[in-house]
N, C-alpha and C. Protein backbone atom coordinates (compact mmCIF):
# COMPACT_ATOMS: atom_id res chain seq x y z
N UNK A 1 -4.43 35.26 -19.74
CA UNK A 1 -5.38 34.36 -19.12
C UNK A 1 -4.61 33.14 -18.65
N UNK A 2 -4.96 32.60 -17.48
CA UNK A 2 -4.34 31.39 -16.93
C UNK A 2 -5.23 30.21 -17.27
N UNK A 3 -4.62 29.13 -17.71
CA UNK A 3 -5.41 27.92 -17.97
C UNK A 3 -4.76 26.76 -17.26
N UNK A 4 -5.56 25.94 -16.63
CA UNK A 4 -5.06 24.77 -15.92
C UNK A 4 -4.88 23.61 -16.87
N UNK A 5 -3.80 22.85 -16.68
CA UNK A 5 -3.58 21.66 -17.49
C UNK A 5 -2.78 20.67 -16.66
N UNK A 6 -3.40 19.53 -16.37
CA UNK A 6 -2.73 18.44 -15.64
C UNK A 6 -2.10 18.90 -14.34
N UNK A 7 -2.79 19.70 -13.58
CA UNK A 7 -2.29 20.11 -12.28
C UNK A 7 -1.32 21.27 -12.32
N UNK A 8 -0.78 21.61 -13.48
CA UNK A 8 0.13 22.74 -13.60
C UNK A 8 -0.58 23.91 -14.23
N UNK A 9 0.08 25.02 -14.26
CA UNK A 9 -0.53 26.20 -14.84
C UNK A 9 0.35 26.70 -15.96
N UNK A 10 -0.26 26.94 -17.11
CA UNK A 10 0.45 27.46 -18.27
C UNK A 10 -0.15 28.81 -18.63
N UNK A 11 0.72 29.72 -18.93
CA UNK A 11 0.24 31.04 -19.36
C UNK A 11 -0.03 30.99 -20.85
N UNK A 12 -1.13 31.61 -21.27
CA UNK A 12 -1.46 31.69 -22.68
C UNK A 12 -1.83 33.14 -22.96
N UNK A 13 -1.13 33.74 -23.85
CA UNK A 13 -1.37 35.14 -24.17
C UNK A 13 -2.65 35.28 -24.97
N UNK A 14 -3.39 36.31 -24.64
CA UNK A 14 -4.58 36.68 -25.41
C UNK A 14 -4.27 38.03 -26.02
N UNK A 15 -4.50 38.15 -27.32
CA UNK A 15 -4.17 39.40 -27.98
C UNK A 15 -5.04 40.52 -27.47
N UNK A 16 -4.41 41.61 -27.18
CA UNK A 16 -5.11 42.79 -26.70
C UNK A 16 -4.45 43.99 -27.35
N UNK A 17 -5.18 44.69 -28.14
CA UNK A 17 -4.59 45.79 -28.90
C UNK A 17 -4.18 46.95 -28.02
N UNK A 18 -4.67 47.00 -26.78
CA UNK A 18 -4.35 48.12 -25.90
C UNK A 18 -3.06 47.90 -25.11
N UNK A 19 -2.52 46.67 -25.11
CA UNK A 19 -1.32 46.39 -24.31
C UNK A 19 -0.20 45.88 -25.20
N UNK A 20 1.00 46.44 -24.98
CA UNK A 20 2.16 45.98 -25.73
C UNK A 20 2.74 44.70 -25.14
N UNK A 21 2.61 44.54 -23.82
CA UNK A 21 3.13 43.33 -23.19
C UNK A 21 1.98 42.56 -22.55
N UNK A 22 2.24 41.29 -22.28
CA UNK A 22 1.20 40.45 -21.70
C UNK A 22 1.50 40.25 -20.22
N UNK A 23 0.51 40.51 -19.40
CA UNK A 23 0.63 40.31 -17.97
C UNK A 23 -0.58 39.49 -17.51
N UNK A 24 -0.33 38.37 -16.80
CA UNK A 24 -1.48 37.57 -16.34
C UNK A 24 -2.32 38.35 -15.34
N UNK A 25 -3.59 38.12 -15.35
CA UNK A 25 -4.52 38.73 -14.41
C UNK A 25 -4.63 37.82 -13.20
N UNK A 26 -4.10 38.24 -12.04
CA UNK A 26 -4.12 37.36 -10.86
C UNK A 26 -5.54 37.04 -10.38
N UNK A 27 -6.51 37.84 -10.76
CA UNK A 27 -7.88 37.54 -10.34
C UNK A 27 -8.44 36.35 -11.08
N UNK A 28 -7.82 35.95 -12.20
CA UNK A 28 -8.28 34.80 -12.97
C UNK A 28 -7.60 33.50 -12.55
N UNK A 29 -6.62 33.58 -11.66
CA UNK A 29 -5.91 32.39 -11.20
C UNK A 29 -6.71 31.71 -10.10
N UNK A 30 -6.97 30.42 -10.22
CA UNK A 30 -7.73 29.74 -9.17
C UNK A 30 -6.92 29.65 -7.88
N UNK A 31 -7.64 29.45 -6.79
CA UNK A 31 -7.01 29.31 -5.48
C UNK A 31 -6.14 28.06 -5.47
N UNK A 32 -4.88 28.20 -5.09
CA UNK A 32 -3.99 27.05 -5.00
C UNK A 32 -4.27 26.29 -3.71
N UNK A 33 -4.13 24.99 -3.77
CA UNK A 33 -4.38 24.14 -2.62
C UNK A 33 -3.20 24.23 -1.65
N UNK A 34 -3.49 24.43 -0.36
CA UNK A 34 -2.43 24.51 0.65
C UNK A 34 -1.89 23.11 0.92
N UNK A 35 -0.71 23.05 1.53
CA UNK A 35 -0.10 21.76 1.88
C UNK A 35 -1.00 21.00 2.85
N UNK A 36 -1.62 21.71 3.79
CA UNK A 36 -2.51 21.04 4.74
C UNK A 36 -3.75 20.48 4.04
N UNK A 37 -4.29 21.25 3.09
CA UNK A 37 -5.46 20.76 2.34
C UNK A 37 -5.10 19.54 1.50
N UNK A 38 -3.90 19.56 0.90
CA UNK A 38 -3.44 18.39 0.12
C UNK A 38 -3.29 17.18 1.03
N UNK A 39 -2.73 17.39 2.23
CA UNK A 39 -2.54 16.29 3.17
C UNK A 39 -3.89 15.73 3.62
N UNK A 40 -4.84 16.60 3.91
CA UNK A 40 -6.18 16.15 4.30
C UNK A 40 -6.82 15.36 3.16
N UNK A 41 -6.70 15.88 1.94
CA UNK A 41 -7.29 15.20 0.78
C UNK A 41 -6.68 13.82 0.60
N UNK A 42 -5.36 13.72 0.75
CA UNK A 42 -4.70 12.43 0.58
C UNK A 42 -5.10 11.45 1.68
N UNK A 43 -5.21 11.93 2.91
CA UNK A 43 -5.65 11.06 4.02
C UNK A 43 -7.03 10.50 3.73
N UNK A 44 -7.94 11.33 3.27
CA UNK A 44 -9.29 10.87 2.94
C UNK A 44 -9.26 9.88 1.79
N UNK A 45 -8.43 10.15 0.76
CA UNK A 45 -8.33 9.23 -0.38
C UNK A 45 -7.85 7.85 0.05
N UNK A 46 -6.84 7.81 0.92
CA UNK A 46 -6.32 6.52 1.39
C UNK A 46 -7.43 5.75 2.09
N UNK A 47 -8.15 6.42 2.99
CA UNK A 47 -9.21 5.75 3.76
C UNK A 47 -10.36 5.33 2.85
N UNK A 48 -10.76 6.19 1.92
CA UNK A 48 -11.89 5.86 1.05
C UNK A 48 -11.56 4.75 0.05
N UNK A 49 -10.30 4.63 -0.33
CA UNK A 49 -9.90 3.60 -1.29
C UNK A 49 -9.68 2.23 -0.65
N UNK A 50 -9.55 2.19 0.66
CA UNK A 50 -9.24 0.93 1.35
C UNK A 50 -10.47 0.02 1.43
N UNK A 51 -10.24 -1.26 1.19
CA UNK A 51 -11.31 -2.25 1.34
C UNK A 51 -11.33 -2.82 2.75
N UNK A 52 -10.18 -2.74 3.42
CA UNK A 52 -10.05 -3.26 4.78
C UNK A 52 -9.11 -2.33 5.54
N UNK A 53 -9.36 -2.19 6.83
CA UNK A 53 -8.42 -1.47 7.69
C UNK A 53 -8.33 -2.25 9.00
N UNK A 54 -7.38 -1.91 9.81
CA UNK A 54 -7.27 -2.50 11.15
C UNK A 54 -7.82 -1.49 12.15
N UNK A 55 -8.76 -1.95 12.98
CA UNK A 55 -9.34 -1.12 14.02
C UNK A 55 -8.78 -1.61 15.35
N UNK A 56 -8.09 -0.75 16.05
CA UNK A 56 -7.50 -1.11 17.34
C UNK A 56 -8.30 -0.45 18.46
N UNK A 57 -8.71 -1.28 19.41
CA UNK A 57 -9.43 -0.81 20.59
C UNK A 57 -8.73 -1.40 21.81
N UNK A 58 -9.19 -1.04 22.99
CA UNK A 58 -8.55 -1.57 24.19
C UNK A 58 -9.54 -2.39 25.01
N UNK A 59 -9.01 -3.48 25.57
CA UNK A 59 -9.80 -4.38 26.42
C UNK A 59 -9.82 -3.85 27.85
N UNK A 60 -10.63 -4.46 28.68
CA UNK A 60 -10.75 -4.03 30.08
C UNK A 60 -9.42 -4.08 30.83
N UNK A 61 -8.55 -5.05 30.46
CA UNK A 61 -7.25 -5.16 31.14
C UNK A 61 -6.19 -4.26 30.52
N UNK A 62 -6.58 -3.43 29.54
CA UNK A 62 -5.65 -2.51 28.90
C UNK A 62 -4.98 -3.06 27.66
N UNK A 63 -5.19 -4.34 27.36
CA UNK A 63 -4.59 -4.93 26.16
C UNK A 63 -5.15 -4.26 24.90
N UNK A 64 -4.28 -4.02 23.94
CA UNK A 64 -4.71 -3.47 22.66
C UNK A 64 -5.11 -4.61 21.75
N UNK A 65 -6.28 -4.49 21.13
CA UNK A 65 -6.80 -5.52 20.24
C UNK A 65 -7.04 -4.91 18.86
N UNK A 66 -6.38 -5.45 17.85
CA UNK A 66 -6.54 -4.96 16.48
C UNK A 66 -7.30 -6.00 15.68
N UNK A 67 -8.33 -5.54 14.98
CA UNK A 67 -9.16 -6.45 14.19
C UNK A 67 -9.32 -5.88 12.78
N UNK A 68 -9.29 -6.76 11.77
CA UNK A 68 -9.54 -6.27 10.41
C UNK A 68 -11.02 -5.91 10.27
N UNK A 69 -11.28 -4.77 9.68
CA UNK A 69 -12.65 -4.29 9.50
C UNK A 69 -12.82 -3.77 8.08
N UNK A 70 -14.06 -3.85 7.59
CA UNK A 70 -14.39 -3.40 6.25
C UNK A 70 -15.17 -2.09 6.36
N UNK A 71 -14.55 -0.97 5.97
CA UNK A 71 -15.30 0.29 6.05
C UNK A 71 -16.51 0.26 5.11
N UNK A 72 -17.66 0.62 5.64
CA UNK A 72 -18.87 0.72 4.80
C UNK A 72 -18.93 2.09 4.14
N UNK A 73 -18.38 3.08 4.84
CA UNK A 73 -18.36 4.44 4.30
C UNK A 73 -17.29 5.23 5.04
N UNK A 74 -16.60 6.11 4.32
CA UNK A 74 -15.67 7.06 4.92
C UNK A 74 -16.01 8.42 4.32
N UNK A 75 -16.32 9.39 5.17
CA UNK A 75 -16.70 10.72 4.69
C UNK A 75 -15.47 11.59 4.45
N UNK A 76 -15.68 12.77 3.90
CA UNK A 76 -14.59 13.71 3.66
C UNK A 76 -14.02 14.28 4.95
N UNK A 77 -14.69 14.06 6.08
CA UNK A 77 -14.17 14.48 7.39
C UNK A 77 -13.49 13.33 8.11
N UNK A 78 -13.21 12.24 7.40
CA UNK A 78 -12.62 11.02 7.96
C UNK A 78 -13.51 10.41 9.05
N UNK A 79 -14.80 10.52 8.87
CA UNK A 79 -15.74 9.81 9.73
C UNK A 79 -15.94 8.45 9.05
N UNK A 80 -15.57 7.37 9.76
CA UNK A 80 -15.62 6.03 9.18
C UNK A 80 -16.75 5.22 9.83
N UNK A 81 -17.45 4.43 8.99
CA UNK A 81 -18.57 3.61 9.44
C UNK A 81 -18.30 2.15 9.14
N UNK A 82 -18.64 1.28 10.12
CA UNK A 82 -18.45 -0.15 10.01
C UNK A 82 -19.69 -0.86 10.52
N UNK A 83 -19.93 -2.07 10.06
CA UNK A 83 -20.98 -2.92 10.64
C UNK A 83 -20.31 -3.84 11.65
N UNK A 84 -20.91 -3.94 12.84
CA UNK A 84 -20.39 -4.81 13.90
C UNK A 84 -21.53 -5.55 14.57
N UNK A 85 -21.18 -6.58 15.30
CA UNK A 85 -22.16 -7.32 16.07
C UNK A 85 -22.39 -6.62 17.40
N UNK A 86 -23.64 -6.34 17.69
CA UNK A 86 -24.02 -5.68 18.93
C UNK A 86 -23.52 -6.46 20.15
N UNK A 87 -23.50 -7.81 20.06
CA UNK A 87 -23.16 -8.65 21.20
C UNK A 87 -21.68 -9.03 21.25
N UNK A 88 -20.89 -8.49 20.34
CA UNK A 88 -19.47 -8.86 20.29
C UNK A 88 -18.68 -8.20 21.42
N UNK A 89 -17.56 -8.85 21.75
CA UNK A 89 -16.66 -8.26 22.74
C UNK A 89 -16.12 -6.93 22.24
N UNK A 90 -15.89 -6.84 20.94
CA UNK A 90 -15.40 -5.59 20.35
C UNK A 90 -16.37 -4.45 20.64
N UNK A 91 -17.66 -4.66 20.41
CA UNK A 91 -18.65 -3.61 20.67
C UNK A 91 -18.67 -3.25 22.16
N UNK A 92 -18.60 -4.24 23.02
CA UNK A 92 -18.60 -3.96 24.46
C UNK A 92 -17.36 -3.17 24.87
N UNK A 93 -16.20 -3.57 24.33
CA UNK A 93 -14.96 -2.85 24.64
C UNK A 93 -15.06 -1.39 24.19
N UNK A 94 -15.59 -1.17 23.00
CA UNK A 94 -15.65 0.19 22.45
C UNK A 94 -16.67 1.04 23.21
N UNK A 95 -17.77 0.44 23.63
CA UNK A 95 -18.74 1.22 24.42
C UNK A 95 -18.13 1.66 25.75
N UNK A 96 -17.27 0.82 26.33
CA UNK A 96 -16.64 1.15 27.60
C UNK A 96 -15.45 2.09 27.44
N UNK A 97 -14.71 1.92 26.35
CA UNK A 97 -13.49 2.70 26.10
C UNK A 97 -13.49 3.09 24.63
N UNK A 98 -14.07 4.25 24.28
CA UNK A 98 -14.31 4.59 22.88
C UNK A 98 -13.10 5.09 22.08
N UNK A 99 -11.95 5.28 22.72
CA UNK A 99 -10.77 5.73 21.96
C UNK A 99 -10.25 4.57 21.11
N UNK A 100 -10.13 4.80 19.80
CA UNK A 100 -9.69 3.75 18.88
C UNK A 100 -8.68 4.31 17.89
N UNK A 101 -8.09 3.42 17.15
CA UNK A 101 -7.20 3.80 16.06
C UNK A 101 -7.55 2.96 14.83
N UNK A 102 -7.52 3.60 13.68
CA UNK A 102 -7.73 2.92 12.41
C UNK A 102 -6.43 2.99 11.62
N UNK A 103 -6.02 1.88 11.03
CA UNK A 103 -4.80 1.84 10.20
C UNK A 103 -5.19 1.40 8.80
N UNK A 104 -4.80 2.21 7.82
CA UNK A 104 -5.11 1.95 6.42
C UNK A 104 -3.82 1.85 5.62
N UNK A 105 -3.84 1.05 4.56
CA UNK A 105 -2.70 0.94 3.66
C UNK A 105 -3.12 1.41 2.27
N UNK A 106 -2.35 2.36 1.72
CA UNK A 106 -2.57 2.81 0.35
C UNK A 106 -1.59 2.10 -0.57
N UNK A 107 -1.49 2.57 -1.80
CA UNK A 107 -0.56 1.94 -2.74
C UNK A 107 0.89 2.07 -2.29
N UNK A 108 1.28 3.24 -1.86
CA UNK A 108 2.65 3.45 -1.39
C UNK A 108 2.68 4.36 -0.17
N UNK A 109 1.59 4.33 0.59
CA UNK A 109 1.55 5.12 1.80
C UNK A 109 0.62 4.45 2.82
N UNK A 110 0.73 4.91 4.04
CA UNK A 110 -0.02 4.33 5.15
C UNK A 110 -0.66 5.45 5.94
N UNK A 111 -1.83 5.18 6.50
CA UNK A 111 -2.59 6.19 7.23
C UNK A 111 -2.97 5.63 8.60
N UNK A 112 -2.78 6.44 9.62
CA UNK A 112 -3.21 6.10 10.97
C UNK A 112 -4.17 7.19 11.44
N UNK A 113 -5.36 6.78 11.87
CA UNK A 113 -6.39 7.73 12.31
C UNK A 113 -6.73 7.42 13.76
N UNK A 114 -6.53 8.38 14.64
CA UNK A 114 -6.96 8.24 16.04
C UNK A 114 -8.31 8.91 16.16
N UNK A 115 -9.22 8.26 16.87
CA UNK A 115 -10.55 8.84 16.98
C UNK A 115 -11.36 8.28 18.12
N UNK A 116 -12.60 8.68 18.14
CA UNK A 116 -13.55 8.25 19.15
C UNK A 116 -14.67 7.49 18.44
N UNK A 117 -14.98 6.31 18.95
CA UNK A 117 -15.98 5.45 18.31
C UNK A 117 -17.27 5.44 19.12
N UNK A 118 -18.35 5.17 18.41
CA UNK A 118 -19.67 5.03 19.06
C UNK A 118 -20.45 3.96 18.32
N UNK A 119 -21.17 3.14 19.08
CA UNK A 119 -22.07 2.14 18.48
C UNK A 119 -23.38 2.86 18.17
N UNK A 120 -23.85 2.71 16.93
CA UNK A 120 -25.06 3.40 16.47
C UNK A 120 -26.08 2.33 16.06
N UNK A 121 -27.21 2.32 16.73
CA UNK A 121 -28.28 1.37 16.41
C UNK A 121 -29.37 2.11 15.65
N UNK A 122 -29.25 2.10 14.33
CA UNK A 122 -30.20 2.81 13.46
C UNK A 122 -30.48 1.90 12.27
N UNK A 123 -31.64 1.27 12.26
CA UNK A 123 -32.00 0.30 11.20
C UNK A 123 -31.92 0.92 9.82
N UNK A 124 -32.38 2.17 9.67
CA UNK A 124 -32.34 2.83 8.37
C UNK A 124 -30.90 2.96 7.87
N UNK A 125 -29.99 3.37 8.75
CA UNK A 125 -28.59 3.50 8.36
C UNK A 125 -27.95 2.14 8.09
N UNK A 126 -28.30 1.13 8.87
CA UNK A 126 -27.77 -0.21 8.63
C UNK A 126 -28.17 -0.65 7.21
N UNK A 127 -29.43 -0.47 6.87
CA UNK A 127 -29.89 -0.85 5.52
C UNK A 127 -29.21 -0.02 4.44
N UNK A 128 -29.03 1.27 4.70
CA UNK A 128 -28.38 2.15 3.72
C UNK A 128 -26.93 1.77 3.49
N UNK A 129 -26.23 1.35 4.53
CA UNK A 129 -24.80 1.03 4.42
C UNK A 129 -24.54 -0.45 4.22
N UNK A 130 -25.58 -1.24 4.12
CA UNK A 130 -25.44 -2.68 3.97
C UNK A 130 -24.65 -3.02 2.71
N UNK A 131 -23.82 -4.05 2.83
CA UNK A 131 -23.03 -4.53 1.70
C UNK A 131 -23.09 -6.05 1.69
N UNK A 132 -23.22 -6.67 0.52
CA UNK A 132 -23.21 -8.14 0.46
C UNK A 132 -21.94 -8.75 1.06
N UNK A 133 -20.87 -7.98 1.13
CA UNK A 133 -19.61 -8.49 1.66
C UNK A 133 -19.69 -8.84 3.14
N UNK A 134 -20.68 -8.34 3.86
CA UNK A 134 -20.79 -8.63 5.30
C UNK A 134 -21.81 -9.71 5.60
N UNK A 135 -22.40 -10.30 4.58
CA UNK A 135 -23.42 -11.33 4.80
C UNK A 135 -22.89 -12.56 5.52
N UNK A 136 -21.61 -12.85 5.40
CA UNK A 136 -21.04 -13.99 6.13
C UNK A 136 -21.16 -13.79 7.64
N UNK A 137 -21.09 -12.55 8.09
CA UNK A 137 -21.18 -12.26 9.52
C UNK A 137 -22.62 -12.06 9.96
N UNK A 138 -23.46 -11.61 9.04
CA UNK A 138 -24.86 -11.34 9.34
C UNK A 138 -25.74 -12.02 8.28
N UNK A 139 -25.93 -13.35 8.38
CA UNK A 139 -26.65 -14.08 7.34
C UNK A 139 -28.12 -13.69 7.20
N UNK A 140 -28.70 -13.06 8.23
CA UNK A 140 -30.10 -12.62 8.14
C UNK A 140 -30.24 -11.27 7.45
N UNK A 141 -29.12 -10.74 6.95
CA UNK A 141 -29.17 -9.48 6.21
C UNK A 141 -29.28 -8.26 7.11
N UNK A 142 -29.62 -7.13 6.52
CA UNK A 142 -29.65 -5.88 7.29
C UNK A 142 -30.73 -5.84 8.37
N UNK A 143 -31.67 -6.76 8.32
CA UNK A 143 -32.70 -6.78 9.36
C UNK A 143 -32.24 -7.55 10.60
N UNK A 144 -31.05 -8.15 10.55
CA UNK A 144 -30.51 -8.87 11.70
C UNK A 144 -30.39 -7.91 12.89
N UNK A 145 -31.08 -8.16 13.99
CA UNK A 145 -31.04 -7.23 15.12
C UNK A 145 -29.65 -7.12 15.77
N UNK A 146 -28.77 -8.09 15.49
CA UNK A 146 -27.41 -8.03 16.04
C UNK A 146 -26.51 -7.09 15.25
N UNK A 147 -26.90 -6.74 14.03
CA UNK A 147 -26.09 -5.86 13.18
C UNK A 147 -26.33 -4.40 13.57
N UNK A 148 -25.26 -3.76 14.02
CA UNK A 148 -25.31 -2.33 14.35
C UNK A 148 -24.12 -1.67 13.67
N UNK A 149 -24.13 -0.36 13.69
CA UNK A 149 -23.04 0.39 13.07
C UNK A 149 -22.06 0.88 14.13
N UNK A 150 -20.82 1.00 13.70
CA UNK A 150 -19.78 1.59 14.52
C UNK A 150 -19.29 2.82 13.76
N UNK A 151 -19.41 3.98 14.39
CA UNK A 151 -18.95 5.23 13.76
C UNK A 151 -17.68 5.67 14.47
N UNK A 152 -16.65 5.99 13.70
CA UNK A 152 -15.41 6.51 14.26
C UNK A 152 -15.23 7.93 13.75
N UNK A 153 -15.19 8.87 14.69
CA UNK A 153 -14.94 10.27 14.36
C UNK A 153 -13.45 10.55 14.56
N UNK A 154 -12.79 10.98 13.50
CA UNK A 154 -11.35 11.23 13.55
C UNK A 154 -11.03 12.42 14.45
N UNK A 155 -10.04 12.25 15.30
CA UNK A 155 -9.51 13.36 16.11
C UNK A 155 -8.19 13.83 15.51
N UNK A 156 -7.41 12.89 15.00
CA UNK A 156 -6.14 13.24 14.35
C UNK A 156 -5.80 12.14 13.35
N UNK A 157 -4.92 12.47 12.44
CA UNK A 157 -4.49 11.50 11.44
C UNK A 157 -3.07 11.83 11.04
N UNK A 158 -2.33 10.79 10.71
CA UNK A 158 -1.00 10.99 10.14
C UNK A 158 -0.77 9.92 9.10
N UNK A 159 0.01 10.29 8.08
CA UNK A 159 0.31 9.28 7.09
C UNK A 159 1.78 9.32 6.73
N UNK A 160 2.24 8.16 6.27
CA UNK A 160 3.62 7.98 5.86
C UNK A 160 3.63 7.65 4.39
N UNK A 161 4.62 8.16 3.71
CA UNK A 161 4.75 7.92 2.28
C UNK A 161 6.11 7.30 2.02
N UNK A 162 6.14 6.30 1.13
CA UNK A 162 7.41 5.69 0.73
C UNK A 162 8.14 6.64 -0.20
N UNK A 163 9.41 6.59 -0.35
CA UNK A 163 10.37 5.82 0.43
C UNK A 163 10.75 6.54 1.71
N UNK A 164 11.38 5.83 2.59
CA UNK A 164 11.91 6.43 3.79
C UNK A 164 10.99 6.35 4.99
N UNK A 165 9.72 6.14 4.78
CA UNK A 165 8.79 5.99 5.88
C UNK A 165 8.65 7.22 6.76
N UNK A 166 9.02 8.39 6.25
CA UNK A 166 8.88 9.60 7.05
C UNK A 166 7.42 9.98 7.14
N UNK A 167 7.06 10.60 8.25
CA UNK A 167 5.69 11.09 8.39
C UNK A 167 5.51 12.19 7.35
N UNK A 168 4.55 12.00 6.47
CA UNK A 168 4.29 12.99 5.44
C UNK A 168 3.51 14.16 6.02
N UNK A 169 2.61 13.88 6.94
CA UNK A 169 1.80 14.95 7.50
C UNK A 169 1.08 14.48 8.75
N UNK A 170 0.88 15.39 9.66
CA UNK A 170 0.08 15.13 10.85
C UNK A 170 -1.07 16.12 10.79
N UNK A 171 -2.27 15.61 10.90
CA UNK A 171 -3.46 16.43 10.75
C UNK A 171 -4.32 16.37 11.99
N UNK A 172 -5.01 17.45 12.28
CA UNK A 172 -6.00 17.46 13.35
C UNK A 172 -7.36 17.66 12.72
N UNK A 173 -8.33 16.91 13.21
CA UNK A 173 -9.69 17.04 12.71
C UNK A 173 -10.57 17.49 13.85
N UNK A 174 -11.35 18.51 13.60
CA UNK A 174 -12.34 18.94 14.58
C UNK A 174 -13.65 19.14 13.86
N UNK A 175 -14.68 18.62 14.44
CA UNK A 175 -16.03 18.79 13.87
C UNK A 175 -16.48 20.22 14.17
N UNK A 176 -17.21 20.76 13.22
CA UNK A 176 -17.81 22.08 13.44
C UNK A 176 -18.83 21.94 14.56
N UNK A 177 -18.76 22.81 15.49
CA UNK A 177 -19.70 22.76 16.62
C UNK A 177 -20.87 23.70 16.30
N UNK A 178 -22.05 23.11 16.34
CA UNK A 178 -23.25 23.88 15.99
C UNK A 178 -23.91 24.40 17.24
C-alpha cells in the first residue's frame, strides 16, 4: 500500500499470507501532479497571496501606465477582480484598450499575468467584493455609484523564482468555451 507523507511517498508493506514478496499496487497510487499543474498552482498562489499588485494599461498616446491595485479576489483561473472609479482615467483607458498586465511579488518569486480587462458595473458583485481597505477611495461605501469592478481574465502568465531570476514557467490560460 502507498501512503502519502509530506509530499513524498513511502512504501509500507502490508502482510499478505499469499505473497512472499511485497509489490506496491499501482492502482492505489494517487495521480502525481504534472509540472504544468504545479506551475499553474504556484501562479495562482502568488496572485491570491498578494495584497497589492501593479496593473499596467496603455494610454491613448501609447504610454504604459502602471498603478498599484488591491485585488479583491483572484480565482483559480487567474481571473482577478479590483474596485475602480468609473470616472477615472484608468477605467477610460481600459475600456478603450483592454489589454493589461498584472505584476505580483511573492516571497521569493514574481508573477506577470497578461490579460484582457473589462469594467463590470454590478452592484451585487461590488457589495460582495467590498473591503474596508478601499473606503479611502470610496467613502460612501459599496453603494457609491462611482465604484465599479475591473475584471482581468488571464491570457498568459509567467513567473520567476530566485535565485537567478530565470523564468520558472510560462503558462497559457484559456477559458472553457460553452
